[in-house]
Amino acid sequence: MIAEQVRVHGLEQLGDTLAALADRLAELTGLPHGKAYRLRLAAEEIVTNVVMHGYGGRDGLIDIDAGYDEAWVWLRVEDEAPDFDPAEHDPTPRLSMDPVMAPLGGFGLFLALSSVDEVTHEYVHGRNRTVLRVRREAGDEGGTDDEAARAGGH
């Protein structure tokens, strides 16, 4: 069942759109706030990566679907950037750097992939399709806007 579908043309719409979708999914499914928050953060990282790297910082079409079934809640991100499977990204070189010497950033995909229970990707008819899933089972693993603000996030 698809709960919502939106089209995003750039980062300006990103935060509000993904927050609204995550809130709506939590409402419809009873998904604990922490899981909805992790799903939202993972989607924000994927979409930011598409805009900054796939589209080179320019606007580009991004479709975001949200849905759920008995076992899963998901956000699906589709874009027309060059083929890129985020699950094939190897964070080992970045994670093994001395934090003092390492450049800022570089953890987005690592955080996105570790925030959800399942990530799938396919490239179909010139479009990336990345699906981020969390299990619907009970249990809130934490994560709030307040925690992100204290950590210097959004």
C-alpha atoms as a PDB file:
ATOM      1  CA  MET A   1       0.000   0.000   0.000  1.00  0.00           C
ATOM      2  CA  ILE A   2       1.405   3.383  -0.979  1.00  0.00           C
ATOM      3  CA  ALA A   3       0.736   6.044   1.619  1.00  0.00           C
ATOM      4  CA  GLU A   4       2.141   9.106  -0.139  1.00  0.00           C
ATOM      5  CA  GLN A   5       3.939  10.098  -3.317  1.00  0.00           C
ATOM      6  CA  VAL A   6       5.725  13.387  -3.908  1.00  0.00           C
ATOM      7  CA  ARG A   7       8.073  14.888  -6.475  1.00  0.00           C
ATOM      8  CA  VAL A   8      11.045  16.842  -5.184  1.00  0.00           C
ATOM      9  CA  HIS A   9      13.062  19.117  -7.481  1.00  0.00           C
ATOM     10  CA  GLY A  10      15.851  20.019  -5.070  1.00  0.00           C
ATOM     11  CA  LEU A  11      17.061  20.230  -1.507  1.00  0.00           C
ATOM     12  CA  GLU A  12      14.769  23.135  -0.583  1.00  0.00           C
ATOM     13  CA  GLN A  13      11.761  20.816  -0.379  1.00  0.00           C
ATOM     14  CA  LEU A  14      13.654  17.915   1.127  1.00  0.00           C
ATOM     15  CA  GLY A  15      13.388  18.404   4.880  1.00  0.00           C
ATOM     16  CA  ASP A  16       9.718  19.282   5.132  1.00  0.00           C
ATOM     17  CA  THR A  17       8.682  16.658   2.585  1.00  0.00           C
ATOM     18  CA  LEU A  18      10.522  13.775   4.239  1.00  0.00           C
ATOM     19  CA  ALA A  19       9.493  14.824   7.739  1.00  0.00           C
ATOM     20  CA  ALA A  20       5.841  14.941   6.668  1.00  0.00           C
ATOM     21  CA  LEU A  21       6.076  11.528   4.995  1.00  0.00           C
ATOM     22  CA  ALA A  22       7.755   9.956   8.021  1.00  0.00           C
ATOM     23  CA  ASP A  23       5.144  11.468  10.350  1.00  0.00           C
ATOM     24  CA  ARG A  24       2.305  10.253   8.127  1.00  0.00           C
ATOM     25  CA  LEU A  25       3.770   6.728   7.991  1.00  0.00           C
ATOM     26  CA  ALA A  26       4.153   6.650  11.766  1.00  0.00           C
ATOM     27  CA  GLU A  27       0.515   7.765  12.116  1.00  0.00           C
ATOM     28  CA  LEU A  28      -0.799   5.163   9.680  1.00  0.00           C
ATOM     29  CA  THR A  29       1.269   2.247  10.938  1.00  0.00           C
ATOM     30  CA  GLY A  30       1.926   2.882  14.612  1.00  0.00           C
ATOM     31  CA  LEU A  31       5.630   2.919  13.809  1.00  0.00           C
ATOM     32  CA  PRO A  32       7.564   4.111  16.862  1.00  0.00           C
ATOM     33  CA  HIS A  33       8.953   7.635  16.567  1.00  0.00           C
ATOM     34  CA  GLY A  34      12.566   6.432  16.652  1.00  0.00           C
ATOM     35  CA  LYS A  35      12.081   4.116  13.690  1.00  0.00           C
ATOM     36  CA  ALA A  36      10.234   6.783  11.703  1.00  0.00           C
ATOM     37  CA  TYR A  37      13.030   9.220  12.495  1.00  0.00           C
ATOM     38  CA  ARG A  38      15.750   6.769  11.365  1.00  0.00           C
ATOM     39  CA  LEU A  39      13.850   6.142   8.131  1.00  0.00           C
ATOM     40  CA  ARG A  40      13.555   9.881   7.544  1.00  0.00           C
ATOM     41  CA  LEU A  41      17.263  10.491   8.204  1.00  0.00           C
ATOM     42  CA  ALA A  42      18.268   7.675   5.865  1.00  0.00           C
ATOM     43  CA  ALA A  43      16.046   9.092   3.116  1.00  0.00           C
ATOM     44  CA  GLU A  44      17.444  12.595   3.667  1.00  0.00           C
ATOM     45  CA  GLU A  45      20.977  11.253   3.230  1.00  0.00           C
ATOM     46  CA  ILE A  46      20.078   9.320   0.070  1.00  0.00           C
ATOM     47  CA  VAL A  47      18.262  12.292  -1.505  1.00  0.00           C
ATOM     48  CA  THR A  48      21.047  14.711  -0.536  1.00  0.00           C
ATOM     49  CA  ASN A  49      23.560  12.342  -2.142  1.00  0.00           C
ATOM     50  CA  VAL A  50      21.457  12.219  -5.332  1.00  0.00           C
ATOM     51  CA  VAL A  51      21.245  16.018  -5.555  1.00  0.00           C
ATOM     52  CA  MET A  52      24.869  16.749  -4.632  1.00  0.00           C
ATOM     53  CA  HIS A  53      26.604  13.910  -6.482  1.00  0.00           C
ATOM     54  CA  GLY A  54      24.141  12.441  -8.973  1.00  0.00           C
ATOM     55  CA  TYR A  55      22.825  15.802 -10.201  1.00  0.00           C
ATOM     56  CA  GLY A  56      25.994  17.757  -9.411  1.00  0.00           C
ATOM     57  CA  GLY A  57      24.190  20.196  -7.100  1.00  0.00           C
ATOM     58  CA  ARG A  58      21.626  21.146  -9.749  1.00  0.00           C
ATOM     59  CA  ASP A  59      17.920  20.465  -9.521  1.00  0.00           C
ATOM     60  CA  GLY A  60      16.782  17.125 -10.823  1.00  0.00           C
ATOM     61  CA  LEU A  61      13.640  15.088 -10.565  1.00  0.00           C
ATOM     62  CA  ILE A  62      13.335  12.873  -7.487  1.00  0.00           C
ATOM     63  CA  ASP A  63      10.228  10.809  -6.795  1.00  0.00           C
ATOM     64  CA  ILE A  64       9.606   9.627  -3.244  1.00  0.00           C
ATOM     65  CA  ASP A  65       6.991   6.996  -2.422  1.00  0.00           C
ATOM     66  CA  ALA A  66       6.085   5.917   1.079  1.00  0.00           C
ATOM     67  CA  GLY A  67       4.281   2.736   1.942  1.00  0.00           C
ATOM     68  CA  TYR A  68       3.803  -0.155   4.281  1.00  0.00           C
ATOM     69  CA  ASP A  69       2.559  -3.705   4.579  1.00  0.00           C
ATOM     70  CA  GLU A  70       2.140  -6.117   7.507  1.00  0.00           C
ATOM     71  CA  ALA A  71       5.885  -6.432   8.162  1.00  0.00           C
ATOM     72  CA  TRP A  72       7.590  -3.340   6.731  1.00  0.00           C
ATOM     73  CA  VAL A  73       7.421   0.434   6.392  1.00  0.00           C
ATOM     74  CA  TRP A  74       9.407   1.955   3.543  1.00  0.00           C
ATOM     75  CA  LEU A  75      10.437   5.006   1.604  1.00  0.00           C
ATOM     76  CA  ARG A  76      11.346   4.524  -2.049  1.00  0.00           C
ATOM     77  CA  VAL A  77      13.515   7.129  -3.766  1.00  0.00           C
ATOM     78  CA  GLU A  78      13.670   7.252  -7.567  1.00  0.00           C
ATOM     79  CA  ASP A  79      15.876   9.579  -9.583  1.00  0.00           C
ATOM     80  CA  GLU A  80      17.316  10.060 -13.064  1.00  0.00           C
ATOM     81  CA  ALA A  81      20.952  10.497 -11.992  1.00  0.00           C
ATOM     82  CA  PRO A  82      23.625   8.074 -13.256  1.00  0.00           C
ATOM     83  CA  ASP A  83      23.350   4.527 -11.920  1.00  0.00           C
ATOM     84  CA  PHE A  84      24.547   4.342  -8.311  1.00  0.00           C
ATOM     85  CA  ASP A  85      23.844   1.607  -5.771  1.00  0.00           C
ATOM     86  CA  PRO A  86      24.367   3.056  -2.284  1.00  0.00           C
ATOM     87  CA  ALA A  87      24.754  -0.454  -0.834  1.00  0.00           C
ATOM     88  CA  GLU A  88      27.949  -0.850  -2.884  1.00  0.00           C
ATOM     89  CA  HIS A  89      29.525   2.182  -1.204  1.00  0.00           C
ATOM     90  CA  ASP A  90      32.457   1.033   0.937  1.00  0.00           C
ATOM     91  CA  PRO A  91      32.920   3.329   3.940  1.00  0.00           C
ATOM     92  CA  THR A  92      36.022   1.462   5.185  1.00  0.00           C
ATOM     93  CA  PRO A  93      38.603   3.964   3.866  1.00  0.00           C
ATOM     94  CA  ARG A  94      36.740   6.901   5.450  1.00  0.00           C
ATOM     95  CA  LEU A  95      36.105   5.064   8.726  1.00  0.00           C
ATOM     96  CA  SER A  96      39.755   4.039   9.034  1.00  0.00           C
ATOM     97  CA  MET A  97      41.087   7.629   8.737  1.00  0.00           C
ATOM     98  CA  ASP A  98      42.415   9.464  11.751  1.00  0.00           C
ATOM     99  CA  PRO A  99      39.465  11.712  12.713  1.00  0.00           C
ATOM    100  CA  VAL A 100      41.803  14.653  13.330  1.00  0.00           C
ATOM    101  CA  MET A 101      43.319  14.427   9.836  1.00  0.00           C
ATOM    102  CA  ALA A 102      40.211  13.406   7.903  1.00  0.00           C
ATOM    103  CA  PRO A 103      38.201  15.923   5.880  1.00  0.00           C
ATOM    104  CA  LEU A 104      34.733  16.854   7.110  1.00  0.00           C
ATOM    105  CA  GLY A 105      31.815  14.767   5.906  1.00  0.00           C
ATOM    106  CA  GLY A 106      31.828  11.482   4.099  1.00  0.00           C
ATOM    107  CA  PHE A 107      29.610   9.561   6.499  1.00  0.00           C
ATOM    108  CA  GLY A 108      26.191  10.164   4.930  1.00  0.00           C
ATOM    109  CA  LEU A 109      25.769   6.877   3.097  1.00  0.00           C
ATOM    110  CA  PHE A 110      27.251   4.935   6.003  1.00  0.00           C
ATOM    111  CA  LEU A 111      24.709   6.539   8.342  1.00  0.00           C
ATOM    112  CA  ALA A 112      21.851   5.991   5.897  1.00  0.00           C
ATOM    113  CA  LEU A 113      22.636   2.326   5.372  1.00  0.00           C
ATOM    114  CA  SER A 114      23.118   1.634   9.076  1.00  0.00           C
ATOM    115  CA  SER A 115      19.898   3.457  10.061  1.00  0.00           C
ATOM    116  CA  VAL A 116      17.464   1.094   8.363  1.00  0.00           C
ATOM    117  CA  ASP A 117      16.845  -2.644   8.398  1.00  0.00           C
ATOM    118  CA  GLU A 118      17.058  -3.169   4.637  1.00  0.00           C
ATOM    119  CA  VAL A 119      18.240  -1.271   1.559  1.00  0.00           C
ATOM    120  CA  THR A 120      17.599  -2.427  -2.000  1.00  0.00           C
ATOM    121  CA  HIS A 121      18.576  -0.765  -5.256  1.00  0.00           C
ATOM    122  CA  GLU A 122      17.892  -1.328  -8.915  1.00  0.00           C
ATOM    123  CA  TYR A 123      18.460   0.717 -12.054  1.00  0.00           C
ATOM    124  CA  VAL A 124      15.436   0.470 -14.325  1.00  0.00           C
ATOM    125  CA  HIS A 125      14.763   2.400 -17.552  1.00  0.00           C
ATOM    126  CA  GLY A 126      17.370   5.069 -16.737  1.00  0.00           C
ATOM    127  CA  ARG A 127      16.224   5.533 -13.128  1.00  0.00           C
ATOM    128  CA  ASN A 128      17.747   4.595  -9.793  1.00  0.00           C
ATOM    129  CA  ARG A 129      15.236   3.010  -7.437  1.00  0.00           C
ATOM    130  CA  THR A 130      16.440   2.809  -3.837  1.00  0.00           C
ATOM    131  CA  VAL A 131      14.118   1.392  -1.198  1.00  0.00           C
ATOM    132  CA  LEU A 132      14.784   1.967   2.509  1.00  0.00           C
ATOM    133  CA  ARG A 133      12.865  -0.345   4.857  1.00  0.00           C
ATOM    134  CA  VAL A 134      12.341  -0.656   8.602  1.00  0.00           C
ATOM    135  CA  ARG A 135      10.496  -3.489  10.341  1.00  0.00           C
ATOM    136  CA  ARG A 136       7.156  -2.646  11.925  1.00  0.00           C
ATOM    137  CA  GLU A 137       7.761  -4.656  15.093  1.00  0.00           C
ATOM    138  CA  ALA A 138       7.375  -2.852  18.390  1.00  0.00           C
ATOM    139  CA  GLY A 139      10.310  -1.253  20.128  1.00  0.00           C
ATOM    140  CA  ASP A 140      11.587   2.280  19.771  1.00  0.00           C
ATOM    141  CA  GLU A 141      15.314   2.401  19.091  1.00  0.00           C
ATOM    142  CA  GLY A 142      15.546   6.127  19.753  1.00  0.00           C
ATOM    143  CA  GLY A 143      16.297   9.101  17.577  1.00  0.00           C
ATOM    144  CA  THR A 144      14.562  12.434  17.800  1.00  0.00           C
ATOM    145  CA  ASP A 145      14.812  15.915  16.364  1.00  0.00           C
ATOM    146  CA  ASP A 146      15.989  17.100  19.801  1.00  0.00           C
ATOM    147  CA  GLU A 147      18.842  14.574  19.783  1.00  0.00           C
ATOM    148  CA  ALA A 148      19.879  15.673  16.291  1.00  0.00           C
ATOM    149  CA  ALA A 149      19.856  19.336  17.337  1.00  0.00           C
ATOM    150  CA  ARG A 150      22.040  18.592  20.378  1.00  0.00           C
ATOM    151  CA  ALA A 151      24.469  16.709  18.125  1.00  0.00           C
ATOM    152  CA  GLY A 152      24.651  19.627  15.686  1.00  0.00           C
ATOM    153  CA  GLY A 153      22.361  18.037  13.076  1.00  0.00           C
ATOM    154  CA  HIS A 154      19.266  19.477  11.389  1.00  0.00           C
END
